[in-house]
């Protein structure tokens, strides 16, 4: 537990207000609507988790990787094969793992255009030949 003694968790629930009468329309919309609150907190990083998913993941490892790479934003992804890829938001990355584009549930040519070499993320070459799309898990670390 060392290193986390000064941290805290704040659950930010979806809400409707006079200024914003609609519910959140995804994780990015929730972050946009809570930007005012993020600006008030004196913290170095924000871990954003989608409220409609359950994950078995060590967030400490995820945050440590974010810090090691000195990234402004780190996204958690999972590789998928072509049969499932068009059901998700996909990211196209370069050979350094930097996100080049995002496409929500692409089909046809747009789907093929989102293929990536997943071995750059540590997937064994044989698996990378089968799982050549990466899906956003809706988990992010942002620098202040």
N, C-alpha and C. Protein backbone atom coordinates (compact mmCIF):
# COMPACT_ATOMS: atom_id res chain seq x y z
N UNK A 1 0.80 -1.21 0.00
CA UNK A 1 0.00 0.00 0.00
C UNK A 1 0.85 1.27 0.00
N UNK A 2 2.13 1.12 0.15
CA UNK A 2 2.99 2.29 0.13
C UNK A 2 2.85 3.01 -1.20
N UNK A 3 2.88 4.31 -1.17
CA UNK A 3 2.76 5.09 -2.39
C UNK A 3 1.33 5.52 -2.70
N UNK A 4 0.36 4.91 -2.05
CA UNK A 4 -1.02 5.27 -2.31
C UNK A 4 -1.67 5.93 -1.09
N UNK A 5 -0.90 6.20 -0.05
CA UNK A 5 -1.47 6.74 1.18
C UNK A 5 -2.05 8.14 0.99
N UNK A 6 -1.61 8.88 0.00
CA UNK A 6 -2.10 10.23 -0.22
C UNK A 6 -3.18 10.29 -1.28
N UNK A 7 -3.50 9.15 -1.88
CA UNK A 7 -4.49 9.12 -2.94
C UNK A 7 -5.91 9.03 -2.41
N UNK A 8 -6.86 9.17 -3.32
CA UNK A 8 -8.26 9.02 -2.94
C UNK A 8 -9.05 8.60 -4.16
N UNK A 9 -10.23 8.10 -3.91
CA UNK A 9 -11.15 7.69 -4.97
C UNK A 9 -12.40 8.52 -4.84
N UNK A 10 -12.86 9.06 -5.94
CA UNK A 10 -14.11 9.82 -5.95
C UNK A 10 -14.99 9.22 -7.04
N UNK A 11 -16.14 8.74 -6.66
CA UNK A 11 -17.08 8.21 -7.64
C UNK A 11 -17.94 9.37 -8.13
N UNK A 12 -17.90 9.60 -9.43
CA UNK A 12 -18.66 10.69 -10.04
C UNK A 12 -19.81 10.06 -10.83
N UNK A 13 -20.98 10.14 -10.28
CA UNK A 13 -22.14 9.50 -10.90
C UNK A 13 -22.71 10.37 -12.01
N UNK A 14 -23.38 9.71 -12.95
CA UNK A 14 -24.08 10.44 -14.01
C UNK A 14 -25.18 11.29 -13.37
N UNK A 15 -25.39 12.45 -13.92
CA UNK A 15 -26.41 13.33 -13.37
C UNK A 15 -26.99 14.22 -14.46
N UNK A 16 -28.18 14.71 -14.19
CA UNK A 16 -28.82 15.69 -15.05
C UNK A 16 -28.91 16.99 -14.27
N UNK A 17 -28.63 18.10 -14.96
CA UNK A 17 -28.71 19.41 -14.32
C UNK A 17 -29.48 20.35 -15.24
N UNK A 18 -29.78 21.54 -14.76
CA UNK A 18 -30.44 22.53 -15.61
C UNK A 18 -29.57 22.90 -16.80
N UNK A 19 -28.24 22.95 -16.58
CA UNK A 19 -27.30 23.27 -17.66
C UNK A 19 -27.11 22.11 -18.62
N UNK A 20 -27.30 20.89 -18.13
CA UNK A 20 -27.06 19.69 -18.94
C UNK A 20 -28.17 18.67 -18.65
N UNK A 21 -29.31 18.81 -19.33
CA UNK A 21 -30.47 17.97 -19.01
C UNK A 21 -30.38 16.52 -19.50
N UNK A 22 -29.35 16.17 -20.28
CA UNK A 22 -29.24 14.79 -20.77
C UNK A 22 -28.26 14.00 -19.91
N UNK A 23 -28.42 12.69 -19.92
CA UNK A 23 -27.49 11.81 -19.21
C UNK A 23 -26.17 11.78 -19.97
N UNK A 24 -25.14 11.22 -19.34
CA UNK A 24 -23.85 11.10 -20.01
C UNK A 24 -23.98 10.21 -21.24
N UNK A 25 -23.27 10.59 -22.27
CA UNK A 25 -23.27 9.82 -23.52
C UNK A 25 -21.91 9.17 -23.71
N UNK A 26 -21.51 8.36 -22.75
CA UNK A 26 -20.22 7.67 -22.81
C UNK A 26 -19.21 8.28 -21.86
N UNK A 27 -18.07 7.60 -21.74
CA UNK A 27 -17.03 8.00 -20.81
C UNK A 27 -16.44 9.37 -21.16
N UNK A 28 -16.17 9.60 -22.44
CA UNK A 28 -15.59 10.89 -22.84
C UNK A 28 -16.52 12.05 -22.50
N UNK A 29 -17.82 11.85 -22.70
CA UNK A 29 -18.79 12.89 -22.37
C UNK A 29 -18.81 13.14 -20.86
N UNK A 30 -18.71 12.09 -20.07
CA UNK A 30 -18.67 12.23 -18.61
C UNK A 30 -17.45 13.03 -18.19
N UNK A 31 -16.29 12.75 -18.80
CA UNK A 31 -15.07 13.49 -18.48
C UNK A 31 -15.26 14.96 -18.84
N UNK A 32 -15.80 15.24 -20.02
CA UNK A 32 -16.04 16.64 -20.43
C UNK A 32 -16.94 17.36 -19.44
N UNK A 33 -18.00 16.70 -19.00
CA UNK A 33 -18.95 17.35 -18.09
C UNK A 33 -18.40 17.55 -16.69
N UNK A 34 -17.36 16.81 -16.33
CA UNK A 34 -16.75 16.96 -15.01
C UNK A 34 -15.41 17.70 -15.05
N UNK A 35 -15.05 18.26 -16.17
CA UNK A 35 -13.77 18.97 -16.26
C UNK A 35 -13.63 20.05 -15.20
N UNK A 36 -14.72 20.75 -14.92
CA UNK A 36 -14.68 21.82 -13.91
C UNK A 36 -14.22 21.27 -12.56
N UNK A 37 -14.63 20.05 -12.22
CA UNK A 37 -14.24 19.46 -10.95
C UNK A 37 -12.79 19.01 -10.98
N UNK A 38 -12.33 18.46 -12.09
CA UNK A 38 -10.94 18.03 -12.20
C UNK A 38 -10.00 19.21 -12.03
N UNK A 39 -10.40 20.37 -12.50
CA UNK A 39 -9.56 21.56 -12.38
C UNK A 39 -9.45 22.05 -10.94
N UNK A 40 -10.41 21.68 -10.09
CA UNK A 40 -10.38 22.10 -8.68
C UNK A 40 -9.46 21.22 -7.83
N UNK A 41 -9.27 19.97 -8.22
CA UNK A 41 -8.47 19.04 -7.43
C UNK A 41 -6.99 19.23 -7.71
N UNK A 42 -6.19 19.17 -6.66
CA UNK A 42 -4.75 19.30 -6.78
C UNK A 42 -4.13 17.90 -6.79
N UNK A 43 -4.26 17.21 -7.93
CA UNK A 43 -3.71 15.86 -8.08
C UNK A 43 -2.88 15.81 -9.37
N UNK A 44 -2.01 14.83 -9.47
CA UNK A 44 -1.14 14.70 -10.64
C UNK A 44 -1.81 13.93 -11.78
N UNK A 45 -2.53 12.85 -11.43
CA UNK A 45 -3.14 12.00 -12.45
C UNK A 45 -4.56 11.62 -12.07
N UNK A 46 -5.33 11.33 -13.11
CA UNK A 46 -6.70 10.87 -12.94
C UNK A 46 -6.83 9.50 -13.59
N UNK A 47 -7.39 8.56 -12.86
CA UNK A 47 -7.70 7.24 -13.40
C UNK A 47 -9.19 7.25 -13.69
N UNK A 48 -9.55 7.06 -14.95
CA UNK A 48 -10.95 7.10 -15.38
C UNK A 48 -11.39 5.67 -15.71
N UNK A 49 -12.46 5.24 -15.07
CA UNK A 49 -13.02 3.90 -15.30
C UNK A 49 -14.44 4.06 -15.78
N UNK A 50 -14.80 3.31 -16.78
CA UNK A 50 -16.16 3.33 -17.28
C UNK A 50 -17.08 2.72 -16.22
N UNK A 51 -18.21 3.34 -15.99
CA UNK A 51 -19.11 2.90 -14.94
C UNK A 51 -19.94 1.68 -15.28
N UNK A 52 -19.93 1.25 -16.53
CA UNK A 52 -20.78 0.12 -16.92
C UNK A 52 -20.00 -1.14 -17.23
N UNK A 53 -18.75 -1.23 -16.75
CA UNK A 53 -17.94 -2.41 -16.99
C UNK A 53 -17.35 -2.91 -15.68
N UNK A 54 -17.05 -4.18 -15.65
CA UNK A 54 -16.31 -4.78 -14.54
C UNK A 54 -15.00 -5.30 -15.09
N UNK A 55 -13.89 -5.00 -14.41
CA UNK A 55 -12.58 -5.41 -14.88
C UNK A 55 -11.84 -6.13 -13.78
N UNK A 56 -11.02 -7.06 -14.18
CA UNK A 56 -10.08 -7.68 -13.26
C UNK A 56 -8.71 -7.23 -13.74
N UNK A 57 -8.27 -6.14 -13.16
CA UNK A 57 -7.05 -5.49 -13.63
C UNK A 57 -6.35 -4.83 -12.46
N UNK A 58 -5.02 -4.91 -12.45
CA UNK A 58 -4.25 -4.23 -11.42
C UNK A 58 -4.00 -2.79 -11.89
N UNK A 59 -4.75 -1.86 -11.35
CA UNK A 59 -4.63 -0.47 -11.77
C UNK A 59 -3.28 0.13 -11.36
N UNK A 60 -2.67 -0.39 -10.32
CA UNK A 60 -1.35 0.12 -9.91
C UNK A 60 -0.33 -0.13 -11.02
N UNK A 61 -0.37 -1.32 -11.65
CA UNK A 61 0.54 -1.61 -12.78
C UNK A 61 0.25 -0.68 -13.95
N UNK A 62 -1.01 -0.43 -14.21
CA UNK A 62 -1.43 0.44 -15.32
C UNK A 62 -0.90 1.86 -15.09
N UNK A 63 -1.07 2.37 -13.89
CA UNK A 63 -0.60 3.71 -13.55
C UNK A 63 0.93 3.77 -13.59
N UNK A 64 1.58 2.72 -13.10
CA UNK A 64 3.05 2.68 -13.13
C UNK A 64 3.57 2.75 -14.57
N UNK A 65 2.94 2.01 -15.48
CA UNK A 65 3.33 2.05 -16.90
C UNK A 65 3.14 3.46 -17.47
N UNK A 66 2.04 4.09 -17.10
CA UNK A 66 1.77 5.47 -17.53
C UNK A 66 2.90 6.39 -17.08
N UNK A 67 3.31 6.24 -15.84
CA UNK A 67 4.37 7.09 -15.30
C UNK A 67 5.71 6.80 -15.96
N UNK A 68 6.01 5.52 -16.20
CA UNK A 68 7.29 5.15 -16.83
C UNK A 68 7.41 5.73 -18.24
N UNK A 69 6.31 5.76 -18.98
CA UNK A 69 6.37 6.26 -20.35
C UNK A 69 6.25 7.77 -20.43
N UNK A 70 5.93 8.41 -19.30
CA UNK A 70 5.75 9.86 -19.25
C UNK A 70 4.69 10.34 -20.25
N UNK A 71 3.67 9.55 -20.42
CA UNK A 71 2.59 9.88 -21.36
C UNK A 71 1.66 10.92 -20.74
N UNK A 72 0.99 11.67 -21.58
CA UNK A 72 -0.06 12.58 -21.12
C UNK A 72 -1.35 11.81 -20.86
N UNK A 73 -1.60 10.82 -21.72
CA UNK A 73 -2.79 9.98 -21.60
C UNK A 73 -2.37 8.54 -21.90
N UNK A 74 -2.86 7.61 -21.10
CA UNK A 74 -2.64 6.18 -21.33
C UNK A 74 -4.00 5.52 -21.40
N UNK A 75 -4.18 4.68 -22.42
CA UNK A 75 -5.45 3.98 -22.62
C UNK A 75 -5.24 2.49 -22.47
N UNK A 76 -6.18 1.83 -21.84
CA UNK A 76 -6.13 0.39 -21.71
C UNK A 76 -6.87 -0.22 -22.89
N UNK A 77 -6.23 -1.21 -23.53
CA UNK A 77 -6.80 -1.84 -24.71
C UNK A 77 -6.71 -3.35 -24.58
N UNK A 78 -7.49 -4.02 -25.41
CA UNK A 78 -7.43 -5.48 -25.48
C UNK A 78 -7.47 -5.86 -26.96
N UNK A 79 -6.65 -6.84 -27.36
CA UNK A 79 -6.67 -7.27 -28.76
C UNK A 79 -7.88 -8.15 -29.05
N UNK A 80 -8.45 -8.02 -30.25
CA UNK A 80 -9.58 -8.87 -30.66
C UNK A 80 -9.36 -9.32 -32.11
N UNK A 81 -10.07 -10.38 -32.48
CA UNK A 81 -10.00 -10.86 -33.86
C UNK A 81 -11.06 -10.14 -34.71
N UNK A 82 -11.04 -10.40 -35.99
CA UNK A 82 -11.92 -9.69 -36.91
C UNK A 82 -13.39 -9.97 -36.66
N UNK A 83 -13.71 -11.17 -36.18
CA UNK A 83 -15.13 -11.52 -35.99
C UNK A 83 -15.81 -10.66 -34.93
N UNK A 84 -15.05 -10.09 -34.00
CA UNK A 84 -15.62 -9.28 -32.92
C UNK A 84 -15.32 -7.79 -33.05
N UNK A 85 -14.38 -7.45 -33.90
CA UNK A 85 -13.85 -6.08 -33.93
C UNK A 85 -14.89 -5.01 -34.21
N UNK A 86 -15.81 -5.27 -35.12
CA UNK A 86 -16.76 -4.21 -35.50
C UNK A 86 -17.83 -3.95 -34.44
N UNK A 87 -17.78 -4.68 -33.34
CA UNK A 87 -18.72 -4.44 -32.23
C UNK A 87 -18.20 -3.39 -31.25
N UNK A 88 -16.98 -2.88 -31.46
CA UNK A 88 -16.32 -2.03 -30.48
C UNK A 88 -15.73 -0.78 -31.11
N UNK A 89 -15.29 0.12 -30.24
CA UNK A 89 -14.48 1.24 -30.67
C UNK A 89 -13.05 0.75 -30.83
N UNK A 90 -12.46 0.97 -31.99
CA UNK A 90 -11.11 0.49 -32.29
C UNK A 90 -10.12 1.63 -32.38
N UNK A 91 -8.87 1.33 -32.02
CA UNK A 91 -7.80 2.30 -32.14
C UNK A 91 -6.77 1.82 -33.13
N UNK A 92 -6.26 2.74 -33.89
CA UNK A 92 -5.13 2.48 -34.78
C UNK A 92 -3.93 3.11 -34.11
N UNK A 93 -2.86 2.33 -33.97
CA UNK A 93 -1.65 2.82 -33.32
C UNK A 93 -0.46 2.70 -34.28
N UNK A 94 0.58 3.46 -33.97
CA UNK A 94 1.81 3.32 -34.74
C UNK A 94 2.70 2.27 -34.07
N UNK A 95 3.91 2.07 -34.57
CA UNK A 95 4.80 1.04 -34.03
C UNK A 95 5.35 1.35 -32.66
N UNK A 96 5.10 2.56 -32.16
CA UNK A 96 5.50 2.93 -30.80
C UNK A 96 4.34 2.85 -29.82
N UNK A 97 3.16 2.46 -30.32
CA UNK A 97 1.99 2.36 -29.46
C UNK A 97 1.22 3.67 -29.32
N UNK A 98 1.58 4.68 -30.08
CA UNK A 98 0.87 5.96 -30.02
C UNK A 98 -0.41 5.88 -30.84
N UNK A 99 -1.49 6.38 -30.29
CA UNK A 99 -2.79 6.33 -30.97
C UNK A 99 -2.78 7.32 -32.14
N UNK A 100 -3.12 6.80 -33.32
CA UNK A 100 -3.18 7.62 -34.53
C UNK A 100 -4.62 7.97 -34.88
N UNK A 101 -5.56 7.05 -34.60
CA UNK A 101 -6.97 7.31 -34.90
C UNK A 101 -7.86 6.38 -34.09
N UNK A 102 -9.13 6.73 -34.03
CA UNK A 102 -10.14 5.95 -33.33
C UNK A 102 -11.36 5.85 -34.24
N UNK A 103 -12.01 4.69 -34.25
CA UNK A 103 -13.21 4.51 -35.05
C UNK A 103 -14.22 3.69 -34.26
N UNK A 104 -15.42 4.20 -34.14
CA UNK A 104 -16.47 3.54 -33.37
C UNK A 104 -17.23 2.55 -34.26
N UNK A 105 -17.09 1.27 -33.95
CA UNK A 105 -17.80 0.17 -34.62
C UNK A 105 -17.70 0.23 -36.15
N UNK A 106 -16.47 0.26 -36.67
CA UNK A 106 -16.32 0.35 -38.13
C UNK A 106 -16.74 -0.95 -38.83
N UNK A 107 -17.13 -0.81 -40.07
CA UNK A 107 -17.52 -1.94 -40.90
C UNK A 107 -16.78 -1.86 -42.23
N UNK A 108 -16.69 -2.98 -42.95
CA UNK A 108 -16.13 -3.01 -44.30
C UNK A 108 -14.72 -2.47 -44.38
N UNK A 109 -14.50 -1.58 -45.36
CA UNK A 109 -13.17 -1.01 -45.57
C UNK A 109 -12.69 -0.25 -44.33
N UNK A 110 -13.59 0.47 -43.67
CA UNK A 110 -13.21 1.23 -42.47
C UNK A 110 -12.68 0.29 -41.38
N UNK A 111 -13.24 -0.91 -41.30
CA UNK A 111 -12.75 -1.90 -40.34
C UNK A 111 -11.34 -2.36 -40.72
N UNK A 112 -11.16 -2.73 -41.97
CA UNK A 112 -9.83 -3.19 -42.44
C UNK A 112 -8.76 -2.13 -42.20
N UNK A 113 -9.14 -0.87 -42.33
CA UNK A 113 -8.18 0.23 -42.15
C UNK A 113 -7.70 0.34 -40.71
N UNK A 114 -8.39 -0.29 -39.77
CA UNK A 114 -8.03 -0.20 -38.35
C UNK A 114 -7.12 -1.34 -37.88
N UNK A 115 -6.68 -2.21 -38.80
CA UNK A 115 -5.78 -3.30 -38.42
C UNK A 115 -4.45 -2.73 -37.94
N UNK A 116 -3.89 -3.37 -36.90
CA UNK A 116 -2.60 -2.94 -36.36
C UNK A 116 -1.74 -4.16 -36.06
N UNK A 117 -0.47 -3.92 -35.90
CA UNK A 117 0.46 -4.97 -35.48
C UNK A 117 0.44 -5.03 -33.96
N UNK A 118 -0.36 -5.92 -33.41
CA UNK A 118 -0.52 -5.99 -31.95
C UNK A 118 0.71 -6.55 -31.25
N UNK A 119 1.67 -7.05 -32.00
CA UNK A 119 2.89 -7.54 -31.35
C UNK A 119 3.68 -6.39 -30.72
N UNK A 120 3.48 -5.15 -31.20
CA UNK A 120 4.17 -4.01 -30.59
C UNK A 120 3.68 -3.76 -29.17
N UNK A 121 2.52 -4.33 -28.83
CA UNK A 121 1.98 -4.20 -27.47
C UNK A 121 2.33 -5.41 -26.60
N UNK A 122 3.13 -6.32 -27.15
CA UNK A 122 3.58 -7.47 -26.37
C UNK A 122 2.88 -8.77 -26.69
N UNK A 123 1.95 -8.78 -27.63
CA UNK A 123 1.28 -10.01 -28.02
C UNK A 123 2.26 -10.87 -28.82
N UNK A 124 2.35 -12.17 -28.53
CA UNK A 124 3.24 -13.03 -29.32
C UNK A 124 2.87 -12.95 -30.81
N UNK A 125 3.88 -13.06 -31.68
CA UNK A 125 3.69 -12.89 -33.12
C UNK A 125 2.58 -13.79 -33.66
N UNK A 126 2.52 -15.04 -33.24
CA UNK A 126 1.48 -15.96 -33.73
C UNK A 126 0.09 -15.48 -33.35
N UNK A 127 -0.07 -14.98 -32.12
CA UNK A 127 -1.37 -14.44 -31.68
C UNK A 127 -1.69 -13.14 -32.41
N UNK A 128 -0.66 -12.34 -32.66
CA UNK A 128 -0.85 -11.05 -33.33
C UNK A 128 -1.39 -11.24 -34.75
N UNK A 129 -1.10 -12.39 -35.36
CA UNK A 129 -1.62 -12.68 -36.70
C UNK A 129 -3.13 -12.92 -36.68
N UNK A 130 -3.66 -13.31 -35.53
CA UNK A 130 -5.10 -13.57 -35.38
C UNK A 130 -5.84 -12.38 -34.77
N UNK A 131 -5.20 -11.72 -33.81
CA UNK A 131 -5.81 -10.60 -33.10
C UNK A 131 -5.16 -9.31 -33.55
N UNK A 132 -5.62 -8.76 -34.67
CA UNK A 132 -4.96 -7.59 -35.25
C UNK A 132 -5.79 -6.33 -35.15
N UNK A 133 -6.69 -6.28 -34.19
CA UNK A 133 -7.43 -5.06 -33.86
C UNK A 133 -7.28 -4.82 -32.37
N UNK A 134 -7.31 -3.57 -31.94
CA UNK A 134 -7.30 -3.28 -30.51
C UNK A 134 -8.53 -2.46 -30.15
N UNK A 135 -9.14 -2.88 -29.05
CA UNK A 135 -10.38 -2.32 -28.56
C UNK A 135 -10.11 -1.51 -27.30
N UNK A 136 -10.69 -0.34 -27.23
CA UNK A 136 -10.60 0.46 -26.02
C UNK A 136 -11.41 -0.20 -24.91
N UNK A 137 -10.82 -0.29 -23.72
CA UNK A 137 -11.53 -0.84 -22.57
C UNK A 137 -12.25 0.23 -21.77
N UNK A 138 -12.12 1.48 -22.17
CA UNK A 138 -12.76 2.56 -21.43
C UNK A 138 -12.06 2.86 -20.12
N UNK A 139 -10.76 2.54 -20.04
CA UNK A 139 -9.95 2.81 -18.86
C UNK A 139 -8.80 3.73 -19.30
N UNK A 140 -8.65 4.86 -18.60
CA UNK A 140 -7.68 5.86 -19.01
C UNK A 140 -6.95 6.42 -17.78
N UNK A 141 -5.72 6.85 -17.99
CA UNK A 141 -5.01 7.67 -17.01
C UNK A 141 -4.67 8.97 -17.73
N UNK A 142 -5.02 10.09 -17.11
CA UNK A 142 -4.75 11.41 -17.66
C UNK A 142 -3.82 12.15 -16.72
N UNK A 143 -2.89 12.88 -17.30
CA UNK A 143 -2.10 13.83 -16.52
C UNK A 143 -2.95 15.08 -16.30
N UNK A 144 -2.73 15.74 -15.19
CA UNK A 144 -3.46 16.99 -14.91
C UNK A 144 -3.22 17.98 -16.00
